[in-house]
Amino acid sequence: MLFDPTDDVHSDAWWMRVCEDALSPQEEADWQVHLVQCEACRLEWVALTHVDMLLRCAAPPPLLAPDFAAQTVERIVHKQKVRHMLRFVIGMLALGLVAWIGWSYFAVMLAGVVRVLDVVISGHQILFAALVRTLGGLAAMATALLPLILGITGVILLFLTPNSVLASVAFVWFSRHKRATGTTL
């Protein structure tokens, strides 16, 4: 003979049958006799009947409003829109901050470059003005310095080329003589 787990009054299968009122009249009579004899089963049965009675007497669960799903979807969509808007605003603020910092850095760098260019241009203007004044002064003094330059050149020529000294002296004498007499060859 096989063992039937529902025959054991302490098994979970038996307790499930008892709670579902699935006992035959003979099993119900056996169950009542067992409850009188077994203190543990009796205490558990009393506790279960109290829980059952409380659950039967409890108020019915509240019903959801007919437009609950529509309101829930609307709230979710609204929250998503707000999140997207916040992300956009925060992104624009971050972009603005980065642009402001970049522009500030660029402005400082540009001011430095402008100062350097100003110094370079001013330096070139000063040097060019000095060069023009020097060249103008030299040009004005050229007529006064011409005899001196010719004399220095003649002395250098005399020391560097002793064989041509006679030709140089003859050329100078001939040039002076020509000017004095006004004759041409």
N, C-alpha and C. Protein backbone atom coordinates (compact mmCIF):
# COMPACT_ATOMS: atom_id res chain seq x y z
N MET A 1 0.83 -1.17 0.00
CA MET A 1 0.00 0.00 0.00
C MET A 1 0.88 1.24 0.00
N LEU A 2 0.57 2.19 -0.90
CA LEU A 2 1.33 3.43 -1.04
C LEU A 2 0.90 4.43 0.00
N PHE A 3 1.89 5.29 0.39
CA PHE A 3 1.61 6.33 1.37
C PHE A 3 1.02 7.54 0.67
N ASP A 4 -0.11 7.99 1.16
CA ASP A 4 -0.77 9.17 0.62
C ASP A 4 -0.46 10.35 1.54
N PRO A 5 0.19 11.44 1.04
CA PRO A 5 0.57 12.54 1.93
C PRO A 5 -0.64 13.24 2.52
N THR A 6 -1.79 13.13 1.90
CA THR A 6 -2.98 13.78 2.46
C THR A 6 -3.53 13.01 3.65
N ASP A 7 -3.02 11.79 3.89
CA ASP A 7 -3.46 11.02 5.05
C ASP A 7 -2.79 11.54 6.31
N ASP A 8 -1.63 12.20 6.21
CA ASP A 8 -0.92 12.73 7.38
C ASP A 8 -1.52 14.09 7.72
N VAL A 9 -2.13 14.20 8.90
CA VAL A 9 -2.82 15.43 9.28
C VAL A 9 -1.85 16.57 9.58
N HIS A 10 -0.57 16.29 9.63
CA HIS A 10 0.42 17.35 9.87
C HIS A 10 1.10 17.81 8.58
N SER A 11 0.74 17.26 7.44
CA SER A 11 1.38 17.64 6.18
C SER A 11 0.75 18.91 5.61
N ASP A 12 1.52 19.56 4.75
CA ASP A 12 1.01 20.77 4.10
C ASP A 12 -0.17 20.46 3.19
N ALA A 13 -0.13 19.30 2.55
CA ALA A 13 -1.23 18.91 1.65
C ALA A 13 -2.53 18.79 2.44
N TRP A 14 -2.48 18.20 3.64
CA TRP A 14 -3.68 18.07 4.48
C TRP A 14 -4.20 19.43 4.88
N TRP A 15 -3.30 20.30 5.31
CA TRP A 15 -3.72 21.64 5.73
C TRP A 15 -4.33 22.42 4.55
N MET A 16 -3.83 22.23 3.38
CA MET A 16 -4.42 22.89 2.20
C MET A 16 -5.84 22.39 1.96
N ARG A 17 -6.04 21.11 2.10
CA ARG A 17 -7.39 20.54 1.91
C ARG A 17 -8.33 21.05 2.99
N VAL A 18 -7.82 21.17 4.24
CA VAL A 18 -8.67 21.66 5.34
C VAL A 18 -9.09 23.10 5.05
N CYS A 19 -8.11 23.95 4.63
CA CYS A 19 -8.42 25.37 4.39
C CYS A 19 -9.36 25.56 3.20
N GLU A 20 -9.34 24.65 2.26
CA GLU A 20 -10.20 24.76 1.08
C GLU A 20 -11.54 24.06 1.27
N ASP A 21 -11.80 23.52 2.47
CA ASP A 21 -13.03 22.75 2.76
C ASP A 21 -13.20 21.60 1.77
N ALA A 22 -12.12 20.88 1.51
CA ALA A 22 -12.14 19.77 0.55
C ALA A 22 -12.12 18.41 1.25
N LEU A 23 -12.48 18.36 2.52
CA LEU A 23 -12.47 17.10 3.28
C LEU A 23 -13.81 16.39 3.11
N SER A 24 -13.73 15.06 3.06
CA SER A 24 -14.96 14.25 3.03
C SER A 24 -15.56 14.27 4.44
N PRO A 25 -16.82 13.83 4.62
CA PRO A 25 -17.41 13.83 5.96
C PRO A 25 -16.61 12.97 6.94
N GLN A 26 -16.12 11.83 6.50
CA GLN A 26 -15.33 10.96 7.38
C GLN A 26 -14.02 11.66 7.78
N GLU A 27 -13.35 12.35 6.78
CA GLU A 27 -12.11 13.05 7.06
C GLU A 27 -12.36 14.24 7.98
N GLU A 28 -13.52 14.87 7.82
CA GLU A 28 -13.87 16.00 8.70
C GLU A 28 -14.03 15.52 10.13
N ALA A 29 -14.66 14.37 10.31
CA ALA A 29 -14.83 13.81 11.67
C ALA A 29 -13.48 13.44 12.25
N ASP A 30 -12.60 12.84 11.44
CA ASP A 30 -11.25 12.50 11.91
C ASP A 30 -10.47 13.77 12.28
N TRP A 31 -10.68 14.81 11.50
CA TRP A 31 -9.99 16.09 11.75
C TRP A 31 -10.41 16.69 13.09
N GLN A 32 -11.70 16.67 13.37
CA GLN A 32 -12.20 17.22 14.64
C GLN A 32 -11.64 16.43 15.82
N VAL A 33 -11.58 15.09 15.70
CA VAL A 33 -11.00 14.26 16.77
C VAL A 33 -9.53 14.61 16.94
N HIS A 34 -8.80 14.82 15.82
CA HIS A 34 -7.38 15.16 15.91
C HIS A 34 -7.18 16.51 16.59
N LEU A 35 -8.04 17.47 16.32
CA LEU A 35 -7.90 18.80 16.93
C LEU A 35 -8.05 18.73 18.45
N VAL A 36 -8.93 17.84 18.93
CA VAL A 36 -9.12 17.69 20.38
C VAL A 36 -7.86 17.08 21.00
N GLN A 37 -7.21 16.19 20.26
CA GLN A 37 -6.06 15.47 20.82
C GLN A 37 -4.74 16.25 20.64
N CYS A 38 -4.55 17.01 19.56
CA CYS A 38 -3.26 17.66 19.26
C CYS A 38 -3.34 19.15 19.58
N GLU A 39 -2.58 19.56 20.60
CA GLU A 39 -2.57 20.96 21.05
C GLU A 39 -2.00 21.89 19.98
N ALA A 40 -0.87 21.50 19.28
CA ALA A 40 -0.21 22.35 18.27
C ALA A 40 -1.14 22.61 17.10
N CYS A 41 -1.81 21.56 16.63
CA CYS A 41 -2.73 21.73 15.49
C CYS A 41 -3.93 22.58 15.90
N ARG A 42 -4.41 22.40 17.11
CA ARG A 42 -5.57 23.16 17.58
C ARG A 42 -5.21 24.65 17.64
N LEU A 43 -4.05 25.01 18.20
CA LEU A 43 -3.65 26.43 18.29
C LEU A 43 -3.46 27.04 16.89
N GLU A 44 -2.87 26.30 15.99
CA GLU A 44 -2.68 26.80 14.62
C GLU A 44 -4.03 26.97 13.93
N TRP A 45 -4.96 26.02 14.17
CA TRP A 45 -6.28 26.11 13.55
C TRP A 45 -7.04 27.31 14.08
N VAL A 46 -6.95 27.58 15.36
CA VAL A 46 -7.62 28.75 15.95
C VAL A 46 -7.03 30.03 15.34
N ALA A 47 -5.71 30.09 15.21
CA ALA A 47 -5.08 31.28 14.62
C ALA A 47 -5.52 31.47 13.17
N LEU A 48 -5.57 30.39 12.41
CA LEU A 48 -6.00 30.49 11.01
C LEU A 48 -7.45 30.94 10.90
N THR A 49 -8.32 30.44 11.78
CA THR A 49 -9.73 30.85 11.72
C THR A 49 -9.89 32.32 12.07
N HIS A 50 -9.06 32.81 13.02
CA HIS A 50 -9.12 34.25 13.34
C HIS A 50 -8.66 35.10 12.16
N VAL A 51 -7.59 34.66 11.50
CA VAL A 51 -7.10 35.40 10.33
C VAL A 51 -8.15 35.37 9.23
N ASP A 52 -8.78 34.22 9.02
CA ASP A 52 -9.82 34.10 8.00
C ASP A 52 -10.97 35.03 8.30
N MET A 53 -11.40 35.09 9.59
CA MET A 53 -12.51 35.94 9.98
C MET A 53 -12.14 37.42 9.78
N LEU A 54 -10.90 37.80 10.12
CA LEU A 54 -10.48 39.19 9.92
C LEU A 54 -10.47 39.57 8.45
N LEU A 55 -10.00 38.65 7.63
CA LEU A 55 -9.95 38.93 6.20
C LEU A 55 -11.35 39.04 5.60
N ARG A 56 -12.29 38.24 6.11
CA ARG A 56 -13.67 38.30 5.58
C ARG A 56 -14.38 39.57 6.03
N CYS A 57 -14.02 40.08 7.21
CA CYS A 57 -14.67 41.29 7.75
C CYS A 57 -14.02 42.57 7.27
N ALA A 58 -12.85 42.47 6.67
CA ALA A 58 -12.13 43.67 6.23
C ALA A 58 -12.91 44.37 5.13
N ALA A 59 -12.68 45.66 5.05
CA ALA A 59 -13.34 46.46 4.01
C ALA A 59 -12.79 46.03 2.65
N PRO A 60 -13.61 46.14 1.64
CA PRO A 60 -13.13 45.77 0.31
C PRO A 60 -12.01 46.73 -0.11
N PRO A 61 -11.12 46.26 -0.94
CA PRO A 61 -10.03 47.13 -1.37
C PRO A 61 -10.59 48.31 -2.17
N PRO A 62 -9.93 49.46 -2.06
CA PRO A 62 -10.45 50.63 -2.78
C PRO A 62 -10.32 50.42 -4.29
N LEU A 63 -11.30 50.93 -4.98
CA LEU A 63 -11.28 50.84 -6.44
C LEU A 63 -10.55 52.04 -7.01
N LEU A 64 -9.86 51.79 -8.09
CA LEU A 64 -9.14 52.87 -8.76
C LEU A 64 -10.13 53.74 -9.52
N ALA A 65 -9.77 54.99 -9.65
CA ALA A 65 -10.60 55.91 -10.42
C ALA A 65 -10.64 55.43 -11.87
N PRO A 66 -11.74 55.71 -12.57
CA PRO A 66 -11.85 55.24 -13.95
C PRO A 66 -10.75 55.81 -14.87
N ASP A 67 -10.29 57.04 -14.58
CA ASP A 67 -9.26 57.64 -15.44
C ASP A 67 -7.87 57.52 -14.82
N PHE A 68 -7.67 56.53 -13.94
CA PHE A 68 -6.38 56.35 -13.27
C PHE A 68 -5.25 56.12 -14.27
N ALA A 69 -5.46 55.26 -15.24
CA ALA A 69 -4.41 54.96 -16.22
C ALA A 69 -4.06 56.20 -17.04
N ALA A 70 -5.08 56.94 -17.45
CA ALA A 70 -4.83 58.15 -18.25
C ALA A 70 -4.07 59.19 -17.43
N GLN A 71 -4.46 59.36 -16.15
CA GLN A 71 -3.76 60.31 -15.29
C GLN A 71 -2.31 59.89 -15.05
N THR A 72 -2.11 58.59 -14.87
CA THR A 72 -0.75 58.08 -14.63
C THR A 72 0.13 58.32 -15.84
N VAL A 73 -0.40 58.02 -17.03
CA VAL A 73 0.36 58.25 -18.25
C VAL A 73 0.64 59.74 -18.43
N GLU A 74 -0.34 60.58 -18.13
CA GLU A 74 -0.16 62.03 -18.25
C GLU A 74 0.92 62.53 -17.29
N ARG A 75 0.94 62.02 -16.07
CA ARG A 75 1.96 62.42 -15.10
C ARG A 75 3.35 61.98 -15.56
N ILE A 76 3.44 60.77 -16.08
CA ILE A 76 4.73 60.26 -16.56
C ILE A 76 5.24 61.12 -17.72
N VAL A 77 4.34 61.44 -18.65
CA VAL A 77 4.72 62.26 -19.80
C VAL A 77 5.14 63.65 -19.33
N HIS A 78 4.41 64.21 -18.37
CA HIS A 78 4.75 65.54 -17.84
C HIS A 78 6.13 65.52 -17.17
N LYS A 79 6.39 64.48 -16.38
CA LYS A 79 7.70 64.37 -15.72
C LYS A 79 8.81 64.23 -16.76
N GLN A 80 8.56 63.48 -17.82
CA GLN A 80 9.57 63.33 -18.86
C GLN A 80 9.84 64.66 -19.56
N LYS A 81 8.78 65.44 -19.81
CA LYS A 81 8.95 66.75 -20.43
C LYS A 81 9.75 67.68 -19.53
N VAL A 82 9.42 67.65 -18.24
CA VAL A 82 10.16 68.49 -17.29
C VAL A 82 11.63 68.08 -17.25
N ARG A 83 11.90 66.78 -17.24
CA ARG A 83 13.29 66.30 -17.22
C ARG A 83 14.03 66.73 -18.48
N HIS A 84 13.37 66.60 -19.64
CA HIS A 84 14.00 67.02 -20.89
C HIS A 84 14.30 68.52 -20.86
N MET A 85 13.34 69.31 -20.35
CA MET A 85 13.52 70.75 -20.28
C MET A 85 14.67 71.09 -19.34
N LEU A 86 14.73 70.42 -18.18
CA LEU A 86 15.82 70.67 -17.24
C LEU A 86 17.17 70.30 -17.85
N ARG A 87 17.22 69.17 -18.56
CA ARG A 87 18.47 68.78 -19.22
C ARG A 87 18.89 69.83 -20.24
N PHE A 88 17.93 70.35 -21.00
CA PHE A 88 18.22 71.36 -21.99
C PHE A 88 18.74 72.64 -21.34
N VAL A 89 18.05 73.08 -20.28
CA VAL A 89 18.45 74.32 -19.60
C VAL A 89 19.83 74.15 -18.98
N ILE A 90 20.06 73.03 -18.31
CA ILE A 90 21.36 72.80 -17.68
C ILE A 90 22.45 72.71 -18.75
N GLY A 91 22.15 72.05 -19.87
CA GLY A 91 23.11 71.97 -20.96
C GLY A 91 23.44 73.34 -21.53
N MET A 92 22.43 74.18 -21.70
CA MET A 92 22.66 75.52 -22.22
C MET A 92 23.46 76.35 -21.22
N LEU A 93 23.17 76.21 -19.93
CA LEU A 93 23.94 76.93 -18.92
C LEU A 93 25.40 76.48 -18.93
N ALA A 94 25.61 75.18 -19.03
CA ALA A 94 26.98 74.66 -19.08
C ALA A 94 27.69 75.16 -20.34
N LEU A 95 27.00 75.14 -21.47
CA LEU A 95 27.58 75.64 -22.71
C LEU A 95 27.91 77.13 -22.60
N GLY A 96 26.99 77.90 -22.00
CA GLY A 96 27.24 79.33 -21.80
C GLY A 96 28.43 79.58 -20.89
N LEU A 97 28.55 78.78 -19.83
CA LEU A 97 29.68 78.93 -18.92
C LEU A 97 30.99 78.63 -19.62
N VAL A 98 31.01 77.55 -20.40
CA VAL A 98 32.23 77.20 -21.14
C VAL A 98 32.55 78.29 -22.16
N ALA A 99 31.54 78.81 -22.84
CA ALA A 99 31.78 79.87 -23.82
C ALA A 99 32.29 81.14 -23.14
N TRP A 100 31.72 81.47 -21.99
CA TRP A 100 32.15 82.67 -21.25
C TRP A 100 33.60 82.52 -20.80
N ILE A 101 33.95 81.35 -20.26
CA ILE A 101 35.34 81.11 -19.82
C ILE A 101 36.27 81.16 -21.03
N GLY A 102 35.86 80.52 -22.13
CA GLY A 102 36.68 80.54 -23.34
C GLY A 102 36.86 81.95 -23.88
N TRP A 103 35.78 82.73 -23.91
CA TRP A 103 35.87 84.10 -24.41
C TRP A 103 36.74 84.95 -23.50
N SER A 104 36.63 84.74 -22.18
CA SER A 104 37.48 85.49 -21.24
C SER A 104 38.95 85.17 -21.49
N TYR A 105 39.25 83.90 -21.65
CA TYR A 105 40.63 83.50 -21.92
C TYR A 105 41.10 84.07 -23.26
N PHE A 106 40.23 84.00 -24.28
CA PHE A 106 40.57 84.52 -25.59
C PHE A 106 40.78 86.03 -25.53
N ALA A 107 39.95 86.74 -24.75
CA ALA A 107 40.07 88.19 -24.65
C ALA A 107 41.40 88.56 -23.98
N VAL A 108 41.79 87.84 -22.94
CA VAL A 108 43.06 88.11 -22.28
C VAL A 108 44.21 87.84 -23.24
N MET A 109 44.12 86.71 -23.96
CA MET A 109 45.16 86.37 -24.91
C MET A 109 45.21 87.41 -26.03
N LEU A 110 44.04 87.85 -26.52
CA LEU A 110 44.00 88.84 -27.58
C LEU A 110 44.57 90.17 -27.11
N ALA A 111 44.29 90.56 -25.86
CA ALA A 111 44.85 91.80 -25.33
C ALA A 111 46.37 91.70 -25.27
N GLY A 112 46.91 90.56 -24.89
CA GLY A 112 48.36 90.38 -24.87
C GLY A 112 48.95 90.48 -26.26
N VAL A 113 48.29 89.86 -27.23
CA VAL A 113 48.77 89.93 -28.62
C VAL A 113 48.73 91.37 -29.12
N VAL A 114 47.69 92.11 -28.78
CA VAL A 114 47.58 93.51 -29.21
C VAL A 114 48.70 94.34 -28.59
N ARG A 115 48.99 94.09 -27.31
CA ARG A 115 50.08 94.83 -26.67
C ARG A 115 51.42 94.52 -27.35
N VAL A 116 51.66 93.25 -27.65
CA VAL A 116 52.91 92.87 -28.31
C VAL A 116 52.99 93.54 -29.68
N LEU A 117 51.89 93.50 -30.45
CA LEU A 117 51.89 94.14 -31.77
C LEU A 117 52.10 95.65 -31.65
N ASP A 118 51.51 96.26 -30.64
CA ASP A 118 51.68 97.69 -30.43
C ASP A 118 53.14 98.03 -30.15
N VAL A 119 53.78 97.21 -29.32
CA VAL A 119 55.20 97.44 -29.02
C VAL A 119 56.05 97.25 -30.27
N VAL A 120 55.76 96.20 -31.03
CA VAL A 120 56.54 95.93 -32.25
C VAL A 120 56.36 97.06 -33.25
N ILE A 121 55.12 97.48 -33.45
CA ILE A 121 54.86 98.56 -34.42
C ILE A 121 55.49 99.86 -33.95
N SER A 122 55.35 100.17 -32.67
CA SER A 122 55.96 101.40 -32.14
C SER A 122 57.47 101.34 -32.28
N GLY A 123 58.05 100.18 -31.99
CA GLY A 123 59.51 100.04 -32.13
C GLY A 123 59.95 100.25 -33.56
N HIS A 124 59.20 99.68 -34.51
CA HIS A 124 59.56 99.88 -35.92
C HIS A 124 59.40 101.34 -36.31
N GLN A 125 58.38 102.01 -35.81
CA GLN A 125 58.18 103.42 -36.14
C GLN A 125 59.32 104.26 -35.58
N ILE A 126 59.73 103.96 -34.36
CA ILE A 126 60.82 104.71 -33.75
C ILE A 126 62.12 104.49 -34.53
N LEU A 127 62.40 103.21 -34.84
CA LEU A 127 63.62 102.91 -35.60
C LEU A 127 63.58 103.54 -36.99
N PHE A 128 62.44 103.51 -37.66
CA PHE A 128 62.34 104.09 -38.99
C PHE A 128 62.53 105.61 -38.93
N ALA A 129 61.93 106.24 -37.92
CA ALA A 129 62.10 107.69 -37.79
C ALA A 129 63.57 108.05 -37.54
N ALA A 130 64.25 107.26 -36.69
CA ALA A 130 65.66 107.52 -36.42
C ALA A 130 66.50 107.32 -37.69
N LEU A 131 66.17 106.28 -38.45
CA LEU A 131 66.90 106.03 -39.69
C LEU A 131 66.70 107.16 -40.68
N VAL A 132 65.47 107.66 -40.81
CA VAL A 132 65.20 108.76 -41.74
C VAL A 132 65.96 110.02 -41.31
N ARG A 133 65.97 110.31 -40.00
CA ARG A 133 66.71 111.49 -39.51
C ARG A 133 68.21 111.34 -39.77
N THR A 134 68.72 110.15 -39.53
CA THR A 134 70.14 109.91 -39.75
C THR A 134 70.50 110.06 -41.22
N LEU A 135 69.69 109.45 -42.09
CA LEU A 135 69.96 109.57 -43.52
C LEU A 135 69.82 111.01 -44.00
N GLY A 136 68.84 111.72 -43.47
CA GLY A 136 68.68 113.15 -43.83
C GLY A 136 69.88 113.96 -43.38
N GLY A 137 70.36 113.69 -42.17
CA GLY A 137 71.55 114.40 -41.68
C GLY A 137 72.78 114.08 -42.50
N LEU A 138 72.94 112.81 -42.86
CA LEU A 138 74.08 112.43 -43.70
C LEU A 138 73.99 113.08 -45.07
N ALA A 139 72.80 113.14 -45.61
CA ALA A 139 72.65 113.77 -46.94
C ALA A 139 72.98 115.25 -46.86
N ALA A 140 72.62 115.91 -45.78
CA ALA A 140 72.90 117.34 -45.63
C ALA A 140 74.41 117.57 -45.45
N MET A 141 75.06 116.62 -44.80
CA MET A 141 76.49 116.77 -44.54
C MET A 141 77.35 116.23 -45.69
N ALA A 142 76.74 115.59 -46.66
CA ALA A 142 77.50 114.95 -47.72
C ALA A 142 78.36 115.96 -48.48
N THR A 143 77.84 117.14 -48.74
CA THR A 143 78.61 118.15 -49.49
C THR A 143 79.78 118.65 -48.66
N ALA A 144 79.61 118.70 -47.35
CA ALA A 144 80.71 119.16 -46.50
C ALA A 144 81.74 118.05 -46.31
N LEU A 145 81.32 116.82 -46.34
CA LEU A 145 82.22 115.71 -46.11
C LEU A 145 82.87 115.17 -47.38
N LEU A 146 82.44 115.61 -48.54
CA LEU A 146 82.95 115.09 -49.80
C LEU A 146 84.47 115.29 -49.95
N PRO A 147 85.00 116.47 -49.67
CA PRO A 147 86.46 116.62 -49.79
C PRO A 147 87.21 115.74 -48.79
N LEU A 148 86.65 115.60 -47.61
CA LEU A 148 87.28 114.75 -46.61
C LEU A 148 87.29 113.30 -47.08
N ILE A 149 86.15 112.83 -47.60
CA ILE A 149 86.04 111.45 -48.09
C ILE A 149 87.02 111.23 -49.24
N LEU A 150 87.13 112.19 -50.13
CA LEU A 150 88.06 112.06 -51.26
C LEU A 150 89.50 112.03 -50.77
N GLY A 151 89.81 112.84 -49.79
CA GLY A 151 91.18 112.86 -49.25
C GLY A 151 91.51 111.53 -48.59
N ILE A 152 90.59 110.99 -47.79
CA ILE A 152 90.82 109.70 -47.13
C ILE A 152 90.97 108.61 -48.18
N THR A 153 90.15 108.66 -49.19
CA THR A 153 90.24 107.68 -50.27
C THR A 153 91.58 107.77 -50.98
N GLY A 154 92.06 108.98 -51.22
CA GLY A 154 93.35 109.16 -51.87
C GLY A 154 94.48 108.60 -51.03
N VAL A 155 94.47 108.85 -49.73
CA VAL A 155 95.53 108.35 -48.84
C VAL A 155 95.50 106.83 -48.85
N ILE A 156 94.31 106.24 -48.77
CA ILE A 156 94.19 104.77 -48.78
C ILE A 156 94.71 104.23 -50.10
N LEU A 157 94.38 104.90 -51.18
CA LEU A 157 94.86 104.48 -52.48
C LEU A 157 96.38 104.57 -52.59
N LEU A 158 96.94 105.61 -52.00
CA LEU A 158 98.38 105.81 -52.02
C LEU A 158 99.11 104.67 -51.32
N PHE A 159 98.55 104.24 -50.20
CA PHE A 159 99.20 103.16 -49.45
C PHE A 159 98.89 101.79 -50.04
N LEU A 160 97.77 101.62 -50.65
CA LEU A 160 97.41 100.32 -51.17
C LEU A 160 98.00 100.08 -52.56
N THR A 161 98.06 101.11 -53.37
CA THR A 161 98.57 100.95 -54.74
C THR A 161 99.66 101.99 -55.01
N PRO A 162 100.88 101.75 -54.60
CA PRO A 162 101.94 102.76 -54.79
C PRO A 162 102.26 102.99 -56.27
N ASN A 163 102.02 102.07 -57.16
CA ASN A 163 102.35 102.24 -58.58
C ASN A 163 101.39 103.19 -59.28
N SER A 164 100.23 103.33 -58.72
CA SER A 164 99.26 104.19 -59.40
C SER A 164 99.18 105.56 -58.76
N VAL A 165 100.09 105.86 -57.86
CA VAL A 165 100.08 107.17 -57.20
C VAL A 165 100.32 108.27 -58.22
N LEU A 166 101.24 108.06 -59.11
CA LEU A 166 101.55 109.07 -60.11
C LEU A 166 100.35 109.34 -61.01
N ALA A 167 99.62 108.27 -61.38
CA ALA A 167 98.45 108.45 -62.24
C ALA A 167 97.38 109.20 -61.49
N SER A 168 97.21 108.93 -60.21
CA SER A 168 96.19 109.61 -59.41
C SER A 168 96.53 111.08 -59.26
N VAL A 169 97.76 111.37 -58.97
CA VAL A 169 98.16 112.78 -58.82
C VAL A 169 97.96 113.51 -60.14
N ALA A 170 98.33 112.85 -61.23
CA ALA A 170 98.16 113.47 -62.54
C ALA A 170 96.69 113.72 -62.83
N PHE A 171 95.84 112.79 -62.50
CA PHE A 171 94.40 112.95 -62.73
C PHE A 171 93.84 114.10 -61.92
N VAL A 172 94.22 114.19 -60.67
CA VAL A 172 93.74 115.28 -59.81
C VAL A 172 94.24 116.63 -60.37
N TRP A 173 95.53 116.68 -60.72
CA TRP A 173 96.08 117.94 -61.26
C TRP A 173 95.37 118.33 -62.52
N PHE A 174 95.13 117.35 -63.43
CA PHE A 174 94.48 117.63 -64.68
C PHE A 174 93.04 118.11 -64.45
N SER A 175 92.32 117.50 -63.49
CA SER A 175 90.94 117.91 -63.20
C SER A 175 90.90 119.32 -62.67
N ARG A 176 91.82 119.71 -61.82
CA ARG A 176 91.84 121.07 -61.28
C ARG A 176 92.21 122.08 -62.38
N HIS A 177 93.15 121.70 -63.17
CA HIS A 177 93.59 122.59 -64.23
C HIS A 177 92.46 122.83 -65.21
N LYS A 178 91.76 121.84 -65.51
CA LYS A 178 90.63 121.92 -66.46
C LYS A 178 89.56 122.84 -65.90
N ARG A 179 89.29 122.77 -64.65
CA ARG A 179 88.28 123.63 -64.03
C ARG A 179 88.77 125.08 -64.00
N ALA A 180 90.02 125.22 -63.76
CA ALA A 180 90.56 126.60 -63.67
C ALA A 180 90.60 127.28 -65.05
N THR A 181 90.92 126.55 -66.04
CA THR A 181 91.04 127.17 -67.36
C THR A 181 89.74 127.08 -68.16
N GLY A 182 88.91 126.12 -67.87
CA GLY A 182 87.64 125.96 -68.59
C GLY A 182 87.82 125.36 -69.94
N THR A 183 88.92 124.67 -70.22
CA THR A 183 89.14 124.06 -71.51
C THR A 183 88.79 122.59 -71.48
N THR A 184 88.53 122.06 -72.63
CA THR A 184 88.23 120.62 -72.76
C THR A 184 89.24 120.01 -73.70
N LEU A 185 89.40 118.78 -73.64
CA LEU A 185 90.34 118.10 -74.51
C LEU A 185 89.80 117.91 -75.88
